[in-house]
Protein backbone atom coordinates (compact mmCIF):
# COMPACT_ATOMS: atom_id res chain seq x y z
CA MET A 1 89.95 92.89 108.84
CA GLY A 2 86.94 93.94 107.00
CA GLU A 3 86.44 93.61 103.46
CA LEU A 4 89.53 94.70 100.76
CA ARG A 5 88.75 95.27 97.08
CA ILE A 6 90.84 96.82 94.49
CA LYS A 7 89.74 99.06 91.59
CA ARG A 8 90.51 101.00 88.94
CA ALA A 9 90.72 104.59 88.98
CA TYR A 10 88.91 104.93 85.86
CA GLU A 11 85.92 103.21 87.12
CA GLU A 12 83.08 105.33 88.53
CA PRO A 13 83.26 105.47 92.61
CA ALA A 14 80.57 103.80 94.03
CA PRO A 15 78.82 103.87 97.57
CA ASP A 16 79.57 100.05 98.53
CA ASP A 17 83.70 101.04 97.81
CA GLY A 18 83.92 102.46 101.62
CA CYS A 19 86.90 103.94 102.06
CA ARG A 20 88.73 104.60 98.94
CA VAL A 21 92.93 104.30 99.11
CA LEU A 22 95.21 105.22 96.01
CA VAL A 23 97.71 103.13 96.55
CA ASP A 24 99.96 104.56 93.59
CA ARG A 25 102.84 106.78 94.07
CA LEU A 26 101.31 108.63 90.83
CA TRP A 27 98.49 110.50 90.01
CA PRO A 28 96.38 108.69 88.10
CA ARG A 29 95.81 110.64 84.39
CA GLY A 30 93.25 112.72 83.68
CA VAL A 31 91.52 111.88 86.92
CA SER A 32 90.17 115.10 89.19
CA LYS A 33 89.86 114.79 92.26
CA GLU A 34 87.00 115.09 92.73
CA ARG A 35 86.00 112.13 90.51
CA ALA A 36 88.29 110.24 92.52
CA GLN A 37 86.77 110.53 95.77
CA LEU A 38 89.58 108.97 97.71
CA GLU A 39 89.72 109.37 101.32
CA GLU A 40 93.38 108.86 101.54
CA TRP A 41 96.74 108.77 98.82
CA MET A 42 99.01 106.03 100.01
CA LYS A 43 102.54 106.79 97.79
CA ASP A 44 104.76 105.04 99.93
CA ILE A 45 102.64 101.84 100.03
CA ALA A 46 103.33 101.54 96.19
CA PRO A 47 106.39 99.75 94.33
CA SER A 48 109.47 101.59 94.23
CA PRO A 49 110.41 103.49 91.26
CA ALA A 50 113.00 101.12 90.26
CA LEU A 51 110.78 98.11 90.97
CA ARG A 52 107.71 99.58 88.84
CA THR A 53 110.20 100.69 85.99
CA TRP A 54 111.54 96.82 85.38
CA TRP A 55 108.68 95.69 85.73
CA ASN A 56 106.38 97.52 83.48
CA HIS A 57 103.15 95.66 84.09
CA ASP A 58 105.13 92.39 81.83
CA PRO A 59 102.81 89.10 82.78
CA ALA A 60 105.86 87.10 82.48
CA ARG A 61 107.58 88.98 85.05
CA LEU A 62 104.54 89.36 87.40
CA ASP A 63 105.68 85.92 89.94
CA ASP A 64 109.32 87.51 90.30
CA PHE A 65 107.54 91.07 90.76
CA ALA A 66 105.08 89.48 93.38
CA ALA A 67 108.68 88.42 95.41
CA ARG A 68 110.39 91.60 95.29
CA TYR A 69 107.77 94.02 96.14
CA THR A 70 106.74 91.42 98.73
CA ALA A 71 110.30 92.09 100.22
CA GLU A 72 109.63 95.19 99.92
CA LEU A 73 106.42 95.76 101.93
CA ASP A 74 107.98 93.77 104.29
CA ALA A 75 110.51 96.53 105.03
CA ASN A 76 107.93 99.35 104.15
CA ASP A 77 106.19 101.46 107.51
CA ALA A 78 103.25 102.38 105.59
CA VAL A 79 101.91 99.01 105.96
CA ALA A 80 101.47 99.61 109.33
CA ASP A 81 99.09 102.94 107.98
CA ILE A 82 97.38 100.60 105.79
CA ARG A 83 96.46 98.09 108.28
CA ALA A 84 95.23 100.92 110.64
CA LEU A 85 93.12 102.24 108.02
CA ILE A 86 91.75 98.98 107.25
CA GLY A 87 91.00 98.14 110.60
CA ALA A 88 89.41 101.66 110.97
CA HIS A 89 86.56 100.71 108.04
CA PRO A 90 84.67 97.65 107.30
CA VAL A 91 85.38 98.14 103.32
CA VAL A 92 88.50 99.44 101.82
CA THR A 93 89.17 99.85 98.14
CA LEU A 94 92.58 100.13 97.22
CA VAL A 95 92.98 102.34 93.91
CA TYR A 96 95.00 101.85 91.13
CA ALA A 97 95.56 103.57 87.56
CA ALA A 98 97.15 100.34 85.93
CA ARG A 99 94.99 98.61 83.17
CA ASP A 100 94.91 95.00 83.58
CA PRO A 101 92.77 93.94 86.37
CA ARG A 102 94.45 90.90 87.54
CA ILE A 103 98.23 92.24 86.69
CA ASN A 104 98.87 95.24 88.97
CA HIS A 105 100.50 95.70 92.53
CA ALA A 106 97.26 96.43 94.09
CA ALA A 107 96.07 92.92 93.94
CA VAL A 108 99.70 91.91 95.11
CA LEU A 109 99.53 94.56 97.93
CA ARG A 110 95.52 93.24 98.55
CA ASP A 111 96.61 89.51 98.85
CA TYR A 112 99.36 90.61 100.69
CA LEU A 113 97.50 92.16 103.37
CA VAL A 114 95.24 89.58 103.38
CA ARG A 115 97.72 86.75 103.87
CA THR A 116 100.11 88.84 106.51
CA ALA A 117 96.83 89.82 108.57
């Protein structure tokens, strides 16, 4: 596996981002497709709408959210698609819209992909 990074959609894309993949179910507000500079938009890898609504980015629920999201990922066919993409590029950046760089589903997804590689 190459290098796997995460980055907010509102940060400027950089040449060293490699393959940029949006991993949110919803498009980030105010970000044009040109500005985002994405190679893929993998909506299906994002948490389910019900899980995302329940969590509401509450730091107190992060551990429970991570466990529930991991269970969703274990049963998600999109994981194979993102693994193939990761295998095809030396650097992949998972792009997300959440405000907090530590408390977001992209961090959970990155850790899951690294742990289960």
